Amino acid sequence: MVVDSDIQRWQAAEEGQFFDRKSAFDRASGRPKQRKAADIARDIAETLSAMANADGGELVVGIENDGPITGLPHAHDKVRLLVGVPKDRNYVSPPLPCHTSQVTTAAGLRLLHFEVDWSPDVHQLADSRYLLRVHDRNSPFAADRIAALKSAKAQGLLERSFPRGAR
């Protein structure tokens, strides 16, 4: 369950390797305009696949990059589309190991919170790109390099694990 302290943490946290925020508004023209759900869905797929290809992380949609909560004003069918992005092969393959929740702030603004774990699979976007989360960026990366990183990480995890009954 999300509490006010989680929302405050999302507002104050620095964007980086394990955390990112996405706005539901386009402010390029100086006047806020609701972004298309398809554009937000693409951002969600890119960020979550990059995080899963790296070390996992959190994404919150409905908070500006500098922290103010502006919410997600889209209709329910569009929100349902956004919530389904991590499992939708039209955006990312294989589906992402992700926990998703809708949060309503005290002011009645809707947020989407995604939490993705590190995945042993290499995730590819529908446009055939592979991304890796490096610092606060979703960087293009070759699939074989991501697979090599994941293989090395999995080997390290295996070597640190203890077999049942070991003393």
N, C-alpha and C. Protein backbone atom coordinates (compact mmCIF):
# COMPACT_ATOMS: atom_id res chain seq x y z
N MET A 1 0.84 -1.18 0.00
CA MET A 1 0.00 0.00 0.00
C MET A 1 0.89 1.25 0.00
N VAL A 2 0.55 2.17 -0.84
CA VAL A 2 1.30 3.42 -0.95
C VAL A 2 0.80 4.40 0.09
N VAL A 3 1.72 5.06 0.78
CA VAL A 3 1.36 6.07 1.77
C VAL A 3 1.96 7.41 1.35
N ASP A 4 1.56 8.47 2.06
CA ASP A 4 2.04 9.81 1.72
C ASP A 4 3.55 9.90 1.70
N SER A 5 4.22 9.14 2.57
CA SER A 5 5.69 9.20 2.60
C SER A 5 6.29 8.66 1.30
N ASP A 6 5.62 7.69 0.67
CA ASP A 6 6.09 7.19 -0.63
C ASP A 6 5.98 8.29 -1.68
N ILE A 7 4.86 8.98 -1.70
CA ILE A 7 4.65 10.05 -2.67
C ILE A 7 5.67 11.16 -2.45
N GLN A 8 5.92 11.51 -1.21
CA GLN A 8 6.94 12.54 -0.90
C GLN A 8 8.31 12.08 -1.36
N ARG A 9 8.62 10.81 -1.17
CA ARG A 9 9.92 10.27 -1.61
C ARG A 9 10.03 10.35 -3.12
N TRP A 10 8.95 10.02 -3.84
CA TRP A 10 8.97 10.08 -5.30
C TRP A 10 9.18 11.51 -5.79
N GLN A 11 8.59 12.47 -5.07
CA GLN A 11 8.77 13.87 -5.46
C GLN A 11 10.21 14.34 -5.24
N ALA A 12 10.80 13.91 -4.14
CA ALA A 12 12.12 14.42 -3.74
C ALA A 12 13.29 13.63 -4.31
N ALA A 13 13.05 12.38 -4.68
CA ALA A 13 14.15 11.51 -5.12
C ALA A 13 14.83 12.06 -6.37
N GLU A 14 16.11 11.86 -6.42
CA GLU A 14 16.86 12.24 -7.61
C GLU A 14 16.70 11.16 -8.67
N GLU A 15 16.44 11.57 -9.90
CA GLU A 15 16.33 10.59 -10.97
C GLU A 15 17.71 10.01 -11.22
N GLY A 16 17.75 8.70 -11.44
CA GLY A 16 19.04 8.05 -11.64
C GLY A 16 18.88 6.63 -12.11
N GLN A 17 19.83 5.81 -11.75
CA GLN A 17 19.89 4.42 -12.18
C GLN A 17 18.62 3.64 -11.82
N PHE A 18 18.08 3.91 -10.63
CA PHE A 18 16.98 3.10 -10.11
C PHE A 18 15.64 3.82 -10.00
N PHE A 19 15.59 5.07 -10.44
CA PHE A 19 14.35 5.83 -10.27
C PHE A 19 14.18 6.83 -11.41
N ASP A 20 12.93 6.94 -11.90
CA ASP A 20 12.62 7.93 -12.94
C ASP A 20 11.17 8.38 -12.77
N ARG A 21 10.91 9.61 -13.21
CA ARG A 21 9.57 10.19 -13.23
C ARG A 21 9.24 10.56 -14.67
N LYS A 22 7.98 10.46 -15.03
CA LYS A 22 7.51 10.88 -16.35
C LYS A 22 6.26 11.74 -16.16
N SER A 23 6.21 12.82 -16.92
CA SER A 23 5.06 13.70 -16.89
C SER A 23 4.01 13.22 -17.89
N ALA A 24 2.77 13.52 -17.60
CA ALA A 24 1.67 13.23 -18.53
C ALA A 24 1.35 14.46 -19.37
N PHE A 25 2.18 15.50 -19.23
CA PHE A 25 1.96 16.75 -19.96
C PHE A 25 3.17 17.12 -20.79
N ASP A 26 2.89 17.74 -21.93
CA ASP A 26 3.93 18.28 -22.79
C ASP A 26 3.99 19.79 -22.53
N ARG A 27 5.14 20.27 -22.13
CA ARG A 27 5.29 21.69 -21.79
C ARG A 27 6.17 22.42 -22.81
N ALA A 28 6.44 21.79 -23.94
CA ALA A 28 7.35 22.36 -24.94
C ALA A 28 6.86 23.70 -25.48
N SER A 29 5.56 23.87 -25.61
CA SER A 29 5.02 25.11 -26.17
C SER A 29 4.87 26.20 -25.11
N GLY A 30 5.25 25.90 -23.87
CA GLY A 30 5.10 26.87 -22.79
C GLY A 30 3.76 26.74 -22.09
N ARG A 31 2.81 26.15 -22.75
CA ARG A 31 1.48 25.92 -22.18
C ARG A 31 1.27 24.42 -22.04
N PRO A 32 1.03 23.92 -20.82
CA PRO A 32 0.89 22.47 -20.64
C PRO A 32 -0.23 21.88 -21.49
N LYS A 33 0.10 20.78 -22.16
CA LYS A 33 -0.87 20.08 -23.00
C LYS A 33 -0.77 18.60 -22.67
N GLN A 34 -1.90 17.95 -22.52
CA GLN A 34 -1.93 16.51 -22.20
C GLN A 34 -1.21 15.73 -23.29
N ARG A 35 -0.25 14.87 -22.89
CA ARG A 35 0.46 14.03 -23.85
C ARG A 35 -0.43 12.89 -24.30
N LYS A 36 -0.18 12.40 -25.50
CA LYS A 36 -0.92 11.24 -26.00
C LYS A 36 -0.52 10.01 -25.18
N ALA A 37 -1.51 9.16 -24.91
CA ALA A 37 -1.25 7.94 -24.15
C ALA A 37 -0.22 7.06 -24.85
N ALA A 38 -0.22 7.03 -26.18
CA ALA A 38 0.74 6.21 -26.92
C ALA A 38 2.17 6.68 -26.68
N ASP A 39 2.38 7.99 -26.54
CA ASP A 39 3.72 8.51 -26.26
C ASP A 39 4.17 8.15 -24.85
N ILE A 40 3.24 8.24 -23.90
CA ILE A 40 3.56 7.86 -22.52
C ILE A 40 3.85 6.36 -22.45
N ALA A 41 3.06 5.57 -23.17
CA ALA A 41 3.27 4.11 -23.19
C ALA A 41 4.66 3.77 -23.72
N ARG A 42 5.09 4.47 -24.75
CA ARG A 42 6.42 4.24 -25.31
C ARG A 42 7.50 4.59 -24.27
N ASP A 43 7.31 5.69 -23.54
CA ASP A 43 8.25 6.07 -22.48
C ASP A 43 8.30 5.01 -21.37
N ILE A 44 7.13 4.49 -21.01
CA ILE A 44 7.07 3.46 -19.97
C ILE A 44 7.84 2.22 -20.43
N ALA A 45 7.57 1.77 -21.65
CA ALA A 45 8.25 0.58 -22.18
C ALA A 45 9.76 0.78 -22.22
N GLU A 46 10.20 1.94 -22.69
CA GLU A 46 11.64 2.20 -22.79
C GLU A 46 12.30 2.19 -21.41
N THR A 47 11.72 2.91 -20.47
CA THR A 47 12.34 3.02 -19.15
C THR A 47 12.33 1.69 -18.41
N LEU A 48 11.19 1.01 -18.41
CA LEU A 48 11.11 -0.26 -17.67
C LEU A 48 11.98 -1.35 -18.30
N SER A 49 12.04 -1.42 -19.63
CA SER A 49 12.89 -2.44 -20.25
C SER A 49 14.35 -2.12 -19.99
N ALA A 50 14.73 -0.83 -20.02
CA ALA A 50 16.12 -0.45 -19.72
C ALA A 50 16.47 -0.82 -18.29
N MET A 51 15.54 -0.58 -17.35
CA MET A 51 15.79 -0.92 -15.95
C MET A 51 15.88 -2.43 -15.75
N ALA A 52 14.98 -3.18 -16.39
CA ALA A 52 15.01 -4.65 -16.25
C ALA A 52 16.28 -5.22 -16.87
N ASN A 53 16.78 -4.59 -17.93
CA ASN A 53 18.03 -5.04 -18.55
C ASN A 53 19.25 -4.65 -17.72
N ALA A 54 19.06 -3.74 -16.76
CA ALA A 54 20.15 -3.32 -15.88
C ALA A 54 19.93 -3.96 -14.50
N ASP A 55 19.53 -3.18 -13.53
CA ASP A 55 19.40 -3.66 -12.15
C ASP A 55 18.02 -3.48 -11.55
N GLY A 56 17.01 -3.16 -12.39
CA GLY A 56 15.67 -2.92 -11.88
C GLY A 56 15.50 -1.47 -11.47
N GLY A 57 14.29 -1.12 -11.01
CA GLY A 57 14.05 0.24 -10.55
C GLY A 57 12.58 0.58 -10.50
N GLU A 58 12.31 1.87 -10.26
CA GLU A 58 10.96 2.39 -10.12
C GLU A 58 10.72 3.50 -11.14
N LEU A 59 9.50 3.57 -11.64
CA LEU A 59 9.05 4.63 -12.52
C LEU A 59 7.71 5.13 -12.00
N VAL A 60 7.58 6.45 -11.91
CA VAL A 60 6.30 7.05 -11.51
C VAL A 60 5.84 7.97 -12.64
N VAL A 61 4.63 7.78 -13.10
CA VAL A 61 4.04 8.62 -14.14
C VAL A 61 3.03 9.54 -13.47
N GLY A 62 3.16 10.85 -13.75
CA GLY A 62 2.25 11.84 -13.18
C GLY A 62 2.96 12.84 -12.29
N ILE A 63 4.28 12.76 -12.25
CA ILE A 63 5.10 13.71 -11.50
C ILE A 63 6.11 14.31 -12.47
N GLU A 64 6.24 15.63 -12.43
CA GLU A 64 7.19 16.32 -13.30
C GLU A 64 8.62 15.97 -12.91
N ASN A 65 9.54 16.15 -13.85
CA ASN A 65 10.95 15.82 -13.59
C ASN A 65 11.53 16.55 -12.37
N ASP A 66 11.02 17.76 -12.09
CA ASP A 66 11.54 18.51 -10.95
C ASP A 66 10.71 18.30 -9.68
N GLY A 67 9.73 17.38 -9.70
CA GLY A 67 9.03 16.97 -8.49
C GLY A 67 7.58 17.33 -8.31
N PRO A 68 7.04 18.40 -8.92
CA PRO A 68 5.61 18.69 -8.69
C PRO A 68 4.70 17.59 -9.25
N ILE A 69 3.65 17.30 -8.48
CA ILE A 69 2.66 16.31 -8.91
C ILE A 69 1.65 17.02 -9.81
N THR A 70 1.51 16.51 -11.03
CA THR A 70 0.53 17.06 -11.97
C THR A 70 -0.52 16.02 -12.35
N GLY A 71 -0.26 14.77 -12.00
CA GLY A 71 -1.23 13.72 -12.21
C GLY A 71 -1.31 13.19 -13.62
N LEU A 72 -2.19 12.22 -13.79
CA LEU A 72 -2.44 11.56 -15.06
C LEU A 72 -3.92 11.78 -15.38
N PRO A 73 -4.24 12.78 -16.23
CA PRO A 73 -5.64 13.15 -16.46
C PRO A 73 -6.36 12.32 -17.51
N HIS A 74 -5.76 11.27 -17.99
CA HIS A 74 -6.31 10.49 -19.10
C HIS A 74 -7.53 9.67 -18.68
N ALA A 75 -8.34 9.33 -19.67
CA ALA A 75 -9.54 8.51 -19.46
C ALA A 75 -9.13 7.11 -19.00
N HIS A 76 -10.06 6.41 -18.38
CA HIS A 76 -9.79 5.08 -17.81
C HIS A 76 -9.27 4.09 -18.84
N ASP A 77 -9.78 4.12 -20.07
CA ASP A 77 -9.30 3.17 -21.07
C ASP A 77 -7.83 3.43 -21.42
N LYS A 78 -7.42 4.69 -21.42
CA LYS A 78 -6.02 5.04 -21.70
C LYS A 78 -5.13 4.63 -20.52
N VAL A 79 -5.62 4.81 -19.31
CA VAL A 79 -4.86 4.40 -18.12
C VAL A 79 -4.69 2.89 -18.13
N ARG A 80 -5.74 2.16 -18.50
CA ARG A 80 -5.67 0.70 -18.59
C ARG A 80 -4.59 0.28 -19.59
N LEU A 81 -4.50 1.00 -20.72
CA LEU A 81 -3.46 0.75 -21.71
C LEU A 81 -2.08 0.94 -21.07
N LEU A 82 -1.89 2.03 -20.34
CA LEU A 82 -0.59 2.32 -19.73
C LEU A 82 -0.21 1.29 -18.67
N VAL A 83 -1.18 0.88 -17.87
CA VAL A 83 -0.93 -0.13 -16.84
C VAL A 83 -0.50 -1.45 -17.48
N GLY A 84 -1.02 -1.75 -18.66
CA GLY A 84 -0.72 -3.02 -19.32
C GLY A 84 0.57 -3.05 -20.12
N VAL A 85 1.23 -1.92 -20.30
CA VAL A 85 2.44 -1.85 -21.13
C VAL A 85 3.50 -2.90 -20.77
N PRO A 86 3.84 -3.11 -19.49
CA PRO A 86 4.92 -4.07 -19.19
C PRO A 86 4.65 -5.50 -19.64
N LYS A 87 3.40 -5.87 -19.79
CA LYS A 87 3.04 -7.25 -20.18
C LYS A 87 2.64 -7.35 -21.65
N ASP A 88 2.63 -6.23 -22.36
CA ASP A 88 2.13 -6.17 -23.74
C ASP A 88 3.27 -6.33 -24.74
N ARG A 89 3.24 -7.41 -25.50
CA ARG A 89 4.29 -7.68 -26.50
C ARG A 89 4.30 -6.67 -27.64
N ASN A 90 3.27 -5.83 -27.73
CA ASN A 90 3.29 -4.75 -28.71
C ASN A 90 4.26 -3.64 -28.30
N TYR A 91 4.74 -3.71 -27.06
CA TYR A 91 5.69 -2.72 -26.56
C TYR A 91 7.04 -3.32 -26.21
N VAL A 92 7.02 -4.48 -25.54
CA VAL A 92 8.28 -5.08 -25.07
C VAL A 92 8.15 -6.59 -25.04
N SER A 93 9.27 -7.25 -25.37
CA SER A 93 9.29 -8.70 -25.39
C SER A 93 10.62 -9.21 -24.84
N PRO A 94 10.63 -10.23 -24.01
CA PRO A 94 9.48 -10.85 -23.35
C PRO A 94 8.86 -9.88 -22.34
N PRO A 95 7.65 -10.18 -21.86
CA PRO A 95 6.99 -9.32 -20.88
C PRO A 95 7.90 -9.06 -19.66
N LEU A 96 7.71 -7.91 -19.05
CA LEU A 96 8.57 -7.49 -17.95
C LEU A 96 8.08 -8.00 -16.59
N PRO A 97 9.01 -8.36 -15.71
CA PRO A 97 8.64 -8.74 -14.34
C PRO A 97 8.36 -7.46 -13.55
N CYS A 98 7.11 -7.03 -13.54
CA CYS A 98 6.79 -5.69 -13.04
C CYS A 98 5.58 -5.71 -12.11
N HIS A 99 5.65 -4.88 -11.09
CA HIS A 99 4.50 -4.64 -10.21
C HIS A 99 4.00 -3.23 -10.51
N THR A 100 2.69 -3.09 -10.76
CA THR A 100 2.11 -1.81 -11.14
C THR A 100 1.00 -1.45 -10.18
N SER A 101 0.94 -0.17 -9.79
CA SER A 101 -0.17 0.27 -8.95
C SER A 101 -0.62 1.67 -9.36
N GLN A 102 -1.94 1.90 -9.21
CA GLN A 102 -2.50 3.22 -9.41
C GLN A 102 -2.62 3.87 -8.03
N VAL A 103 -2.22 5.11 -7.94
CA VAL A 103 -2.23 5.83 -6.67
C VAL A 103 -3.01 7.11 -6.87
N THR A 104 -3.86 7.44 -5.90
CA THR A 104 -4.58 8.72 -5.92
C THR A 104 -4.06 9.55 -4.76
N THR A 105 -3.59 10.75 -5.06
CA THR A 105 -3.05 11.64 -4.02
C THR A 105 -4.19 12.25 -3.21
N ALA A 106 -3.83 12.90 -2.11
CA ALA A 106 -4.83 13.56 -1.28
C ALA A 106 -5.57 14.64 -2.08
N ALA A 107 -4.92 15.21 -3.07
CA ALA A 107 -5.55 16.24 -3.91
C ALA A 107 -6.39 15.63 -5.03
N GLY A 108 -6.47 14.30 -5.08
CA GLY A 108 -7.29 13.63 -6.08
C GLY A 108 -6.61 13.41 -7.43
N LEU A 109 -5.28 13.59 -7.49
CA LEU A 109 -4.55 13.36 -8.73
C LEU A 109 -4.10 11.92 -8.81
N ARG A 110 -4.21 11.33 -10.02
CA ARG A 110 -3.84 9.93 -10.23
C ARG A 110 -2.38 9.83 -10.66
N LEU A 111 -1.67 8.85 -10.08
CA LEU A 111 -0.30 8.52 -10.46
C LEU A 111 -0.25 7.04 -10.80
N LEU A 112 0.71 6.67 -11.63
CA LEU A 112 1.00 5.25 -11.87
C LEU A 112 2.39 4.97 -11.36
N HIS A 113 2.51 3.91 -10.58
CA HIS A 113 3.81 3.51 -10.03
C HIS A 113 4.15 2.13 -10.58
N PHE A 114 5.33 2.03 -11.17
CA PHE A 114 5.83 0.77 -11.71
C PHE A 114 7.11 0.41 -10.97
N GLU A 115 7.23 -0.85 -10.59
CA GLU A 115 8.47 -1.33 -9.98
C GLU A 115 8.88 -2.59 -10.73
N VAL A 116 10.05 -2.54 -11.36
CA VAL A 116 10.53 -3.65 -12.16
C VAL A 116 11.79 -4.22 -11.51
N ASP A 117 11.88 -5.53 -11.48
CA ASP A 117 13.05 -6.22 -10.93
C ASP A 117 14.09 -6.43 -12.02
N TRP A 118 15.29 -6.70 -11.59
CA TRP A 118 16.32 -7.17 -12.52
C TRP A 118 15.78 -8.45 -13.13
N SER A 119 16.01 -8.62 -14.40
CA SER A 119 15.50 -9.80 -15.09
C SER A 119 16.65 -10.56 -15.73
N PRO A 120 16.63 -11.89 -15.65
CA PRO A 120 17.67 -12.67 -16.33
C PRO A 120 17.49 -12.66 -17.85
N ASP A 121 16.31 -12.24 -18.33
CA ASP A 121 16.04 -12.15 -19.76
C ASP A 121 16.54 -10.81 -20.30
N VAL A 122 16.84 -10.78 -21.59
CA VAL A 122 17.15 -9.53 -22.27
C VAL A 122 15.86 -9.07 -22.94
N HIS A 123 15.41 -7.86 -22.59
CA HIS A 123 14.13 -7.35 -23.08
C HIS A 123 14.35 -6.42 -24.27
N GLN A 124 13.52 -6.62 -25.29
CA GLN A 124 13.62 -5.86 -26.54
C GLN A 124 12.33 -5.07 -26.75
N LEU A 125 12.48 -3.84 -27.22
CA LEU A 125 11.32 -3.02 -27.54
C LEU A 125 10.71 -3.47 -28.86
N ALA A 126 9.47 -3.09 -29.09
CA ALA A 126 8.78 -3.47 -30.32
C ALA A 126 9.47 -2.94 -31.57
N ASP A 127 10.22 -1.84 -31.43
CA ASP A 127 10.94 -1.29 -32.59
C ASP A 127 12.33 -1.93 -32.75
N SER A 128 12.56 -3.04 -32.07
CA SER A 128 13.78 -3.86 -32.16
C SER A 128 14.99 -3.29 -31.42
N ARG A 129 14.80 -2.23 -30.66
CA ARG A 129 15.92 -1.69 -29.88
C ARG A 129 16.05 -2.41 -28.55
N TYR A 130 17.27 -2.44 -28.05
CA TYR A 130 17.59 -2.92 -26.72
C TYR A 130 18.14 -1.73 -25.95
N LEU A 131 17.62 -1.51 -24.74
CA LEU A 131 18.09 -0.39 -23.92
C LEU A 131 18.61 -0.89 -22.59
N LEU A 132 19.55 -0.14 -22.03
CA LEU A 132 20.12 -0.44 -20.72
C LEU A 132 20.10 0.84 -19.91
N ARG A 133 19.67 0.76 -18.67
CA ARG A 133 19.63 1.95 -17.81
C ARG A 133 21.04 2.23 -17.31
N VAL A 134 21.57 3.39 -17.68
CA VAL A 134 22.91 3.81 -17.26
C VAL A 134 22.74 5.20 -16.65
N HIS A 135 22.99 5.31 -15.36
CA HIS A 135 22.76 6.55 -14.60
C HIS A 135 21.29 6.93 -14.75
N ASP A 136 20.99 8.08 -15.35
CA ASP A 136 19.59 8.49 -15.50
C ASP A 136 19.13 8.44 -16.95
N ARG A 137 19.78 7.61 -17.75
CA ARG A 137 19.49 7.52 -19.18
C ARG A 137 19.13 6.08 -19.58
N ASN A 138 18.28 5.99 -20.60
CA ASN A 138 17.98 4.70 -21.23
C ASN A 138 18.83 4.66 -22.49
N SER A 139 19.95 3.95 -22.42
CA SER A 139 20.94 3.98 -23.50
C SER A 139 20.80 2.78 -24.43
N PRO A 140 20.89 3.01 -25.74
CA PRO A 140 20.89 1.89 -26.68
C PRO A 140 22.10 0.99 -26.40
N PHE A 141 21.88 -0.30 -26.46
CA PHE A 141 22.93 -1.26 -26.14
C PHE A 141 22.74 -2.48 -27.03
N ALA A 142 23.80 -3.13 -27.40
CA ALA A 142 23.70 -4.34 -28.21
C ALA A 142 23.18 -5.49 -27.33
N ALA A 143 22.30 -6.30 -27.90
CA ALA A 143 21.70 -7.41 -27.15
C ALA A 143 22.77 -8.36 -26.62
N ASP A 144 23.82 -8.63 -27.40
CA ASP A 144 24.84 -9.57 -26.93
C ASP A 144 25.64 -9.00 -25.76
N ARG A 145 25.80 -7.68 -25.71
CA ARG A 145 26.50 -7.06 -24.57
C ARG A 145 25.64 -7.11 -23.32
N ILE A 146 24.32 -6.89 -23.48
CA ILE A 146 23.41 -6.99 -22.34
C ILE A 146 23.39 -8.42 -21.83
N ALA A 147 23.32 -9.39 -22.75
CA ALA A 147 23.31 -10.81 -22.37
C ALA A 147 24.58 -11.17 -21.62
N ALA A 148 25.73 -10.65 -22.06
CA ALA A 148 27.00 -10.93 -21.38
C ALA A 148 27.00 -10.34 -19.97
N LEU A 149 26.47 -9.12 -19.82
CA LEU A 149 26.37 -8.51 -18.49
C LEU A 149 25.46 -9.33 -17.58
N LYS A 150 24.33 -9.77 -18.12
CA LYS A 150 23.39 -10.56 -17.33
C LYS A 150 23.98 -11.92 -16.96
N SER A 151 24.71 -12.52 -17.88
CA SER A 151 25.34 -13.81 -17.62
C SER A 151 26.36 -13.68 -16.48
N ALA A 152 27.16 -12.63 -16.53
CA ALA A 152 28.15 -12.40 -15.48
C ALA A 152 27.46 -12.16 -14.14
N LYS A 153 26.36 -11.40 -14.15
CA LYS A 153 25.63 -11.12 -12.93
C LYS A 153 25.01 -12.40 -12.37
N ALA A 154 24.40 -13.20 -13.25
CA ALA A 154 23.77 -14.46 -12.81
C ALA A 154 24.82 -15.41 -12.24
N GLN A 155 26.00 -15.46 -12.85
CA GLN A 155 27.08 -16.31 -12.35
C GLN A 155 27.47 -15.87 -10.95
N GLY A 156 27.57 -14.56 -10.74
CA GLY A 156 27.91 -14.03 -9.42
C GLY A 156 26.85 -14.37 -8.39
N LEU A 157 25.58 -14.29 -8.79
CA LEU A 157 24.49 -14.64 -7.88
C LEU A 157 24.55 -16.12 -7.52
N LEU A 158 24.83 -16.96 -8.51
CA LEU A 158 24.94 -18.39 -8.26
C LEU A 158 26.09 -18.69 -7.32
N GLU A 159 27.23 -18.06 -7.52
CA GLU A 159 28.40 -18.31 -6.69
C GLU A 159 28.20 -17.82 -5.26
N ARG A 160 27.31 -16.83 -5.05
CA ARG A 160 27.06 -16.33 -3.70
C ARG A 160 25.94 -17.09 -3.00
N SER A 161 25.24 -17.96 -3.71
CA SER A 161 24.13 -18.68 -3.07
C SER A 161 24.66 -19.90 -2.32
N PHE A 162 23.87 -20.32 -1.32
CA PHE A 162 24.24 -21.47 -0.51
C PHE A 162 23.29 -22.62 -0.81
N PRO A 163 23.81 -23.79 -1.15
CA PRO A 163 22.94 -24.94 -1.39
C PRO A 163 22.24 -25.35 -0.10
N ARG A 164 21.04 -25.90 -0.23
CA ARG A 164 20.30 -26.39 0.94
C ARG A 164 21.14 -27.42 1.68
N GLY A 165 21.12 -27.30 2.98
CA GLY A 165 21.85 -28.27 3.79
C GLY A 165 23.33 -27.98 3.94
N ALA A 166 23.82 -26.94 3.28
CA ALA A 166 25.24 -26.60 3.40
C ALA A 166 25.54 -26.09 4.80
N ARG A 167 26.75 -26.41 5.26
CA ARG A 167 27.17 -25.95 6.59
C ARG A 167 28.48 -25.26 6.52
